[in-house]
Amino acid sequence: MFSFDGEYSEQAVRQKLVRMGLLKEEVGTSATISLPSSSNIVLPNELPSVEDTLKTLAAALKTLETSGLKRDDILRLRGIIAGAKIYKELLADYINYRALEAELLEWRNKYEELAKKSP
């Protein structure tokens, strides 16, 4: 199932995957791996707003203040924080592009109107 050139036993790798939450051990059955894949990603109909993203960021930061968090939880929260920061920046760029696109379309329409009026 796993191959790490003999450096780690299959059981060691299996235990690490269980601790990371990527492998679920069921009593009496074999383990199954559940890794996220791009085929499982559901595209939203609307982009989350900056406010929604900042709320997610604030919640993740507040949760990090909680004592006794497990390492996996901390890593997940840090990933959420990094993702929220990147999303906010990319959303700002997207909004700027949309505004430029709208202005360009407006200028195109004005140009076409002027072209129709002049011989």
N, C-alpha and C. Protein backbone atom coordinates (compact mmCIF):
# COMPACT_ATOMS: atom_id res chain seq x y z
N MET A 1 0.82 -1.20 0.00
CA MET A 1 0.00 0.00 0.00
C MET A 1 0.86 1.26 0.00
N PHE A 2 1.84 1.37 0.91
CA PHE A 2 2.71 2.53 0.99
C PHE A 2 4.15 2.10 0.71
N SER A 3 4.94 2.99 0.15
CA SER A 3 6.33 2.67 -0.11
C SER A 3 7.20 3.87 0.23
N PHE A 4 8.04 3.70 1.24
CA PHE A 4 8.99 4.74 1.61
C PHE A 4 10.39 4.14 1.66
N ASP A 5 10.68 3.29 0.71
CA ASP A 5 11.99 2.65 0.57
C ASP A 5 12.48 2.02 1.87
N GLY A 6 11.58 1.43 2.63
CA GLY A 6 11.94 0.73 3.85
C GLY A 6 12.28 1.63 5.02
N GLU A 7 12.22 2.93 4.85
CA GLU A 7 12.58 3.84 5.95
C GLU A 7 11.52 3.83 7.05
N TYR A 8 10.25 3.71 6.66
CA TYR A 8 9.15 3.68 7.61
C TYR A 8 8.32 2.43 7.37
N SER A 9 7.88 1.83 8.45
CA SER A 9 7.03 0.65 8.29
C SER A 9 5.64 1.08 7.86
N GLU A 10 4.91 0.15 7.28
CA GLU A 10 3.55 0.45 6.86
C GLU A 10 2.71 0.88 8.06
N GLN A 11 2.93 0.22 9.21
CA GLN A 11 2.17 0.55 10.41
C GLN A 11 2.49 1.97 10.89
N ALA A 12 3.74 2.41 10.79
CA ALA A 12 4.11 3.77 11.20
C ALA A 12 3.43 4.81 10.32
N VAL A 13 3.40 4.55 9.04
CA VAL A 13 2.74 5.46 8.10
C VAL A 13 1.23 5.47 8.38
N ARG A 14 0.68 4.29 8.61
CA ARG A 14 -0.75 4.18 8.89
C ARG A 14 -1.11 4.98 10.15
N GLN A 15 -0.31 4.85 11.20
CA GLN A 15 -0.58 5.58 12.45
C GLN A 15 -0.49 7.09 12.25
N LYS A 16 0.48 7.53 11.46
CA LYS A 16 0.61 8.97 11.17
C LYS A 16 -0.62 9.47 10.43
N LEU A 17 -1.09 8.71 9.45
CA LEU A 17 -2.29 9.10 8.70
C LEU A 17 -3.52 9.15 9.60
N VAL A 18 -3.60 8.22 10.56
CA VAL A 18 -4.72 8.23 11.50
C VAL A 18 -4.66 9.48 12.36
N ARG A 19 -3.47 9.83 12.86
CA ARG A 19 -3.31 11.03 13.69
C ARG A 19 -3.63 12.29 12.91
N MET A 20 -3.32 12.31 11.62
CA MET A 20 -3.60 13.48 10.79
C MET A 20 -5.06 13.55 10.36
N GLY A 21 -5.82 12.51 10.64
CA GLY A 21 -7.23 12.51 10.26
C GLY A 21 -7.47 12.12 8.81
N LEU A 22 -6.45 11.63 8.13
CA LEU A 22 -6.59 11.24 6.73
C LEU A 22 -6.95 9.76 6.58
N LEU A 23 -6.84 9.03 7.67
CA LEU A 23 -7.11 7.59 7.64
C LEU A 23 -7.99 7.26 8.83
N LYS A 24 -9.04 6.52 8.57
CA LYS A 24 -9.94 6.12 9.66
C LYS A 24 -9.82 4.62 9.85
N GLU A 25 -9.50 4.22 11.06
CA GLU A 25 -9.40 2.81 11.38
C GLU A 25 -10.75 2.34 11.88
N GLU A 26 -11.29 1.33 11.26
CA GLU A 26 -12.55 0.77 11.71
C GLU A 26 -12.27 -0.61 12.27
N VAL A 27 -12.89 -0.92 13.40
CA VAL A 27 -12.66 -2.19 14.06
C VAL A 27 -13.13 -3.33 13.17
N GLY A 28 -12.25 -4.29 12.94
CA GLY A 28 -12.61 -5.48 12.18
C GLY A 28 -12.56 -5.30 10.67
N THR A 29 -12.25 -4.11 10.19
CA THR A 29 -12.16 -3.90 8.75
C THR A 29 -10.84 -3.23 8.43
N SER A 30 -10.53 -3.18 7.18
CA SER A 30 -9.30 -2.51 6.77
C SER A 30 -9.48 -1.01 6.79
N ALA A 31 -8.38 -0.30 6.85
CA ALA A 31 -8.42 1.16 6.89
C ALA A 31 -8.73 1.73 5.52
N THR A 32 -9.34 2.89 5.51
CA THR A 32 -9.63 3.56 4.25
C THR A 32 -9.04 4.96 4.29
N ILE A 33 -8.47 5.37 3.20
CA ILE A 33 -7.90 6.71 3.11
C ILE A 33 -8.92 7.62 2.46
N SER A 34 -9.10 8.81 3.06
CA SER A 34 -9.97 9.80 2.43
C SER A 34 -9.19 11.08 2.26
N LEU A 35 -8.71 11.28 1.08
CA LEU A 35 -7.97 12.49 0.75
C LEU A 35 -8.85 13.40 -0.10
N PRO A 36 -8.78 14.70 0.16
CA PRO A 36 -9.57 15.60 -0.68
C PRO A 36 -9.02 15.61 -2.10
N SER A 37 -9.90 15.75 -3.04
CA SER A 37 -9.46 15.83 -4.43
C SER A 37 -10.21 16.95 -5.12
N SER A 38 -9.68 17.39 -6.23
CA SER A 38 -10.32 18.49 -6.96
C SER A 38 -11.70 18.09 -7.47
N SER A 39 -11.96 16.80 -7.61
CA SER A 39 -13.28 16.37 -8.07
C SER A 39 -14.33 16.55 -6.98
N ASN A 40 -13.90 16.70 -5.71
CA ASN A 40 -14.84 16.89 -4.61
C ASN A 40 -15.13 18.37 -4.35
N ILE A 41 -14.43 19.26 -5.01
CA ILE A 41 -14.59 20.69 -4.77
C ILE A 41 -15.88 21.17 -5.42
N VAL A 42 -16.69 21.86 -4.62
CA VAL A 42 -17.94 22.41 -5.11
C VAL A 42 -17.76 23.92 -5.27
N LEU A 43 -17.98 24.41 -6.48
CA LEU A 43 -17.84 25.84 -6.73
C LEU A 43 -19.07 26.58 -6.21
N PRO A 44 -18.86 27.67 -5.47
CA PRO A 44 -20.00 28.44 -4.97
C PRO A 44 -20.64 29.24 -6.09
N ASN A 45 -21.94 29.51 -5.95
CA ASN A 45 -22.63 30.35 -6.93
C ASN A 45 -22.17 31.80 -6.81
N GLU A 46 -21.93 32.25 -5.59
CA GLU A 46 -21.49 33.61 -5.32
C GLU A 46 -20.16 33.56 -4.58
N LEU A 47 -19.30 34.53 -4.84
CA LEU A 47 -18.06 34.62 -4.10
C LEU A 47 -18.34 35.13 -2.69
N PRO A 48 -17.68 34.56 -1.69
CA PRO A 48 -17.85 35.11 -0.34
C PRO A 48 -17.38 36.56 -0.30
N SER A 49 -18.08 37.37 0.45
CA SER A 49 -17.72 38.79 0.53
C SER A 49 -16.46 38.96 1.37
N VAL A 50 -15.89 40.15 1.29
CA VAL A 50 -14.73 40.47 2.13
C VAL A 50 -15.14 40.36 3.60
N GLU A 51 -16.35 40.81 3.92
CA GLU A 51 -16.82 40.73 5.31
C GLU A 51 -16.89 39.29 5.79
N ASP A 52 -17.44 38.39 4.96
CA ASP A 52 -17.51 36.97 5.33
C ASP A 52 -16.11 36.39 5.54
N THR A 53 -15.20 36.75 4.66
CA THR A 53 -13.84 36.26 4.75
C THR A 53 -13.15 36.79 6.01
N LEU A 54 -13.37 38.06 6.32
CA LEU A 54 -12.78 38.63 7.53
C LEU A 54 -13.39 38.01 8.78
N LYS A 55 -14.67 37.66 8.74
CA LYS A 55 -15.29 36.98 9.88
C LYS A 55 -14.66 35.60 10.08
N THR A 56 -14.42 34.89 8.98
CA THR A 56 -13.76 33.58 9.06
C THR A 56 -12.36 33.74 9.63
N LEU A 57 -11.64 34.76 9.16
CA LEU A 57 -10.30 35.04 9.65
C LEU A 57 -10.33 35.35 11.14
N ALA A 58 -11.27 36.20 11.56
CA ALA A 58 -11.38 36.56 12.98
C ALA A 58 -11.71 35.34 13.84
N ALA A 59 -12.60 34.49 13.35
CA ALA A 59 -12.97 33.29 14.10
C ALA A 59 -11.78 32.35 14.25
N ALA A 60 -11.01 32.20 13.18
CA ALA A 60 -9.82 31.33 13.24
C ALA A 60 -8.79 31.89 14.21
N LEU A 61 -8.58 33.22 14.17
CA LEU A 61 -7.63 33.84 15.08
C LEU A 61 -8.09 33.69 16.53
N LYS A 62 -9.37 33.89 16.77
CA LYS A 62 -9.92 33.76 18.13
C LYS A 62 -9.78 32.33 18.62
N THR A 63 -10.03 31.37 17.74
CA THR A 63 -9.92 29.96 18.11
C THR A 63 -8.48 29.60 18.45
N LEU A 64 -7.52 30.22 17.77
CA LEU A 64 -6.11 29.96 18.07
C LEU A 64 -5.73 30.39 19.48
N GLU A 65 -6.50 31.31 20.06
CA GLU A 65 -6.23 31.75 21.42
C GLU A 65 -6.61 30.71 22.46
N THR A 66 -7.38 29.71 22.04
CA THR A 66 -7.81 28.65 22.94
C THR A 66 -6.63 27.78 23.32
N SER A 67 -6.51 27.50 24.61
CA SER A 67 -5.41 26.64 25.05
C SER A 67 -5.79 25.17 24.85
N GLY A 68 -4.79 24.34 24.69
CA GLY A 68 -5.00 22.91 24.57
C GLY A 68 -5.38 22.43 23.19
N LEU A 69 -5.17 23.26 22.16
CA LEU A 69 -5.47 22.83 20.80
C LEU A 69 -4.47 21.77 20.37
N LYS A 70 -4.95 20.82 19.59
CA LYS A 70 -4.06 19.79 19.05
C LYS A 70 -3.30 20.38 17.87
N ARG A 71 -2.18 19.78 17.58
CA ARG A 71 -1.31 20.25 16.49
C ARG A 71 -2.06 20.31 15.16
N ASP A 72 -2.85 19.29 14.87
CA ASP A 72 -3.60 19.25 13.61
C ASP A 72 -4.60 20.41 13.54
N ASP A 73 -5.24 20.72 14.67
CA ASP A 73 -6.18 21.85 14.69
C ASP A 73 -5.46 23.17 14.44
N ILE A 74 -4.30 23.32 15.05
CA ILE A 74 -3.52 24.54 14.86
C ILE A 74 -3.11 24.68 13.40
N LEU A 75 -2.64 23.60 12.81
CA LEU A 75 -2.24 23.65 11.39
C LEU A 75 -3.43 23.97 10.49
N ARG A 76 -4.59 23.39 10.80
CA ARG A 76 -5.79 23.67 10.01
C ARG A 76 -6.18 25.14 10.14
N LEU A 77 -6.15 25.67 11.36
CA LEU A 77 -6.50 27.08 11.57
C LEU A 77 -5.51 28.01 10.87
N ARG A 78 -4.23 27.66 10.93
CA ARG A 78 -3.23 28.47 10.24
C ARG A 78 -3.45 28.44 8.73
N GLY A 79 -3.88 27.30 8.21
CA GLY A 79 -4.21 27.21 6.79
C GLY A 79 -5.41 28.07 6.43
N ILE A 80 -6.41 28.08 7.31
CA ILE A 80 -7.60 28.92 7.09
C ILE A 80 -7.20 30.39 7.09
N ILE A 81 -6.34 30.78 8.02
CA ILE A 81 -5.88 32.17 8.12
C ILE A 81 -5.12 32.57 6.85
N ALA A 82 -4.20 31.72 6.43
CA ALA A 82 -3.43 32.01 5.21
C ALA A 82 -4.35 32.09 4.00
N GLY A 83 -5.29 31.16 3.91
CA GLY A 83 -6.23 31.17 2.79
C GLY A 83 -7.11 32.40 2.78
N ALA A 84 -7.57 32.83 3.94
CA ALA A 84 -8.43 34.02 4.03
C ALA A 84 -7.66 35.26 3.59
N LYS A 85 -6.40 35.35 4.01
CA LYS A 85 -5.58 36.51 3.61
C LYS A 85 -5.39 36.54 2.10
N ILE A 86 -5.08 35.41 1.53
CA ILE A 86 -4.88 35.34 0.08
C ILE A 86 -6.18 35.63 -0.66
N TYR A 87 -7.28 35.07 -0.17
CA TYR A 87 -8.58 35.29 -0.81
C TYR A 87 -8.93 36.77 -0.83
N LYS A 88 -8.71 37.45 0.30
CA LYS A 88 -9.03 38.87 0.38
C LYS A 88 -8.25 39.66 -0.66
N GLU A 89 -6.98 39.35 -0.81
CA GLU A 89 -6.15 40.04 -1.80
C GLU A 89 -6.63 39.74 -3.23
N LEU A 90 -6.90 38.48 -3.51
CA LEU A 90 -7.35 38.10 -4.84
C LEU A 90 -8.72 38.68 -5.15
N LEU A 91 -9.59 38.75 -4.14
CA LEU A 91 -10.91 39.32 -4.35
C LEU A 91 -10.80 40.81 -4.68
N ALA A 92 -9.89 41.51 -4.01
CA ALA A 92 -9.69 42.93 -4.30
C ALA A 92 -9.23 43.10 -5.75
N ASP A 93 -8.30 42.25 -6.19
CA ASP A 93 -7.85 42.31 -7.59
C ASP A 93 -9.02 42.04 -8.54
N TYR A 94 -9.83 41.04 -8.21
CA TYR A 94 -10.98 40.67 -9.05
C TYR A 94 -11.95 41.84 -9.15
N ILE A 95 -12.23 42.48 -8.01
CA ILE A 95 -13.15 43.61 -8.03
C ILE A 95 -12.59 44.73 -8.88
N ASN A 96 -11.29 44.98 -8.79
CA ASN A 96 -10.66 46.01 -9.64
C ASN A 96 -10.79 45.65 -11.11
N TYR A 97 -10.58 44.38 -11.44
CA TYR A 97 -10.72 43.95 -12.83
C TYR A 97 -12.15 44.12 -13.32
N ARG A 98 -13.12 43.80 -12.46
CA ARG A 98 -14.52 43.96 -12.84
C ARG A 98 -14.85 45.42 -13.10
N ALA A 99 -14.31 46.31 -12.27
CA ALA A 99 -14.55 47.75 -12.47
C ALA A 99 -13.92 48.22 -13.77
N LEU A 100 -12.69 47.76 -14.05
CA LEU A 100 -12.03 48.13 -15.30
C LEU A 100 -12.80 47.59 -16.50
N GLU A 101 -13.29 46.37 -16.38
CA GLU A 101 -14.06 45.76 -17.45
C GLU A 101 -15.34 46.56 -17.71
N ALA A 102 -16.02 46.96 -16.65
CA ALA A 102 -17.25 47.75 -16.80
C ALA A 102 -16.95 49.10 -17.46
N GLU A 103 -15.86 49.72 -17.07
CA GLU A 103 -15.48 51.01 -17.66
C GLU A 103 -15.13 50.84 -19.13
N LEU A 104 -14.42 49.78 -19.45
CA LEU A 104 -14.05 49.52 -20.84
C LEU A 104 -15.31 49.29 -21.69
N LEU A 105 -16.28 48.56 -21.19
CA LEU A 105 -17.52 48.33 -21.93
C LEU A 105 -18.28 49.64 -22.12
N GLU A 106 -18.25 50.48 -21.10
CA GLU A 106 -18.91 51.78 -21.22
C GLU A 106 -18.26 52.62 -22.31
N TRP A 107 -16.93 52.65 -22.33
CA TRP A 107 -16.21 53.40 -23.37
C TRP A 107 -16.46 52.82 -24.75
N ARG A 108 -16.55 51.50 -24.85
CA ARG A 108 -16.82 50.85 -26.13
C ARG A 108 -18.19 51.26 -26.65
N ASN A 109 -19.18 51.26 -25.78
CA ASN A 109 -20.54 51.67 -26.18
C ASN A 109 -20.56 53.13 -26.64
N LYS A 110 -19.85 53.99 -25.93
CA LYS A 110 -19.79 55.41 -26.31
C LYS A 110 -19.10 55.56 -27.67
N TYR A 111 -18.04 54.80 -27.89
CA TYR A 111 -17.32 54.85 -29.15
C TYR A 111 -18.23 54.40 -30.30
N GLU A 112 -18.98 53.32 -30.08
CA GLU A 112 -19.88 52.82 -31.12
C GLU A 112 -20.97 53.83 -31.44
N GLU A 113 -21.48 54.51 -30.42
CA GLU A 113 -22.50 55.55 -30.63
C GLU A 113 -21.92 56.72 -31.45
N LEU A 114 -20.70 57.12 -31.13
CA LEU A 114 -20.05 58.19 -31.88
C LEU A 114 -19.76 57.78 -33.31
N ALA A 115 -19.37 56.54 -33.49
CA ALA A 115 -19.07 56.03 -34.83
C ALA A 115 -20.33 56.00 -35.69
N LYS A 116 -21.47 55.70 -35.09
CA LYS A 116 -22.73 55.69 -35.84
C LYS A 116 -23.15 57.10 -36.25
N LYS A 117 -22.88 58.10 -35.40
CA LYS A 117 -23.29 59.48 -35.65
C LYS A 117 -22.43 60.17 -36.72
N SER A 118 -21.16 59.84 -36.75
CA SER A 118 -20.26 60.51 -37.71
C SER A 118 -20.25 59.73 -39.04
N PRO A 119 -20.18 60.48 -40.17
CA PRO A 119 -20.20 59.81 -41.48
C PRO A 119 -18.88 59.17 -41.83
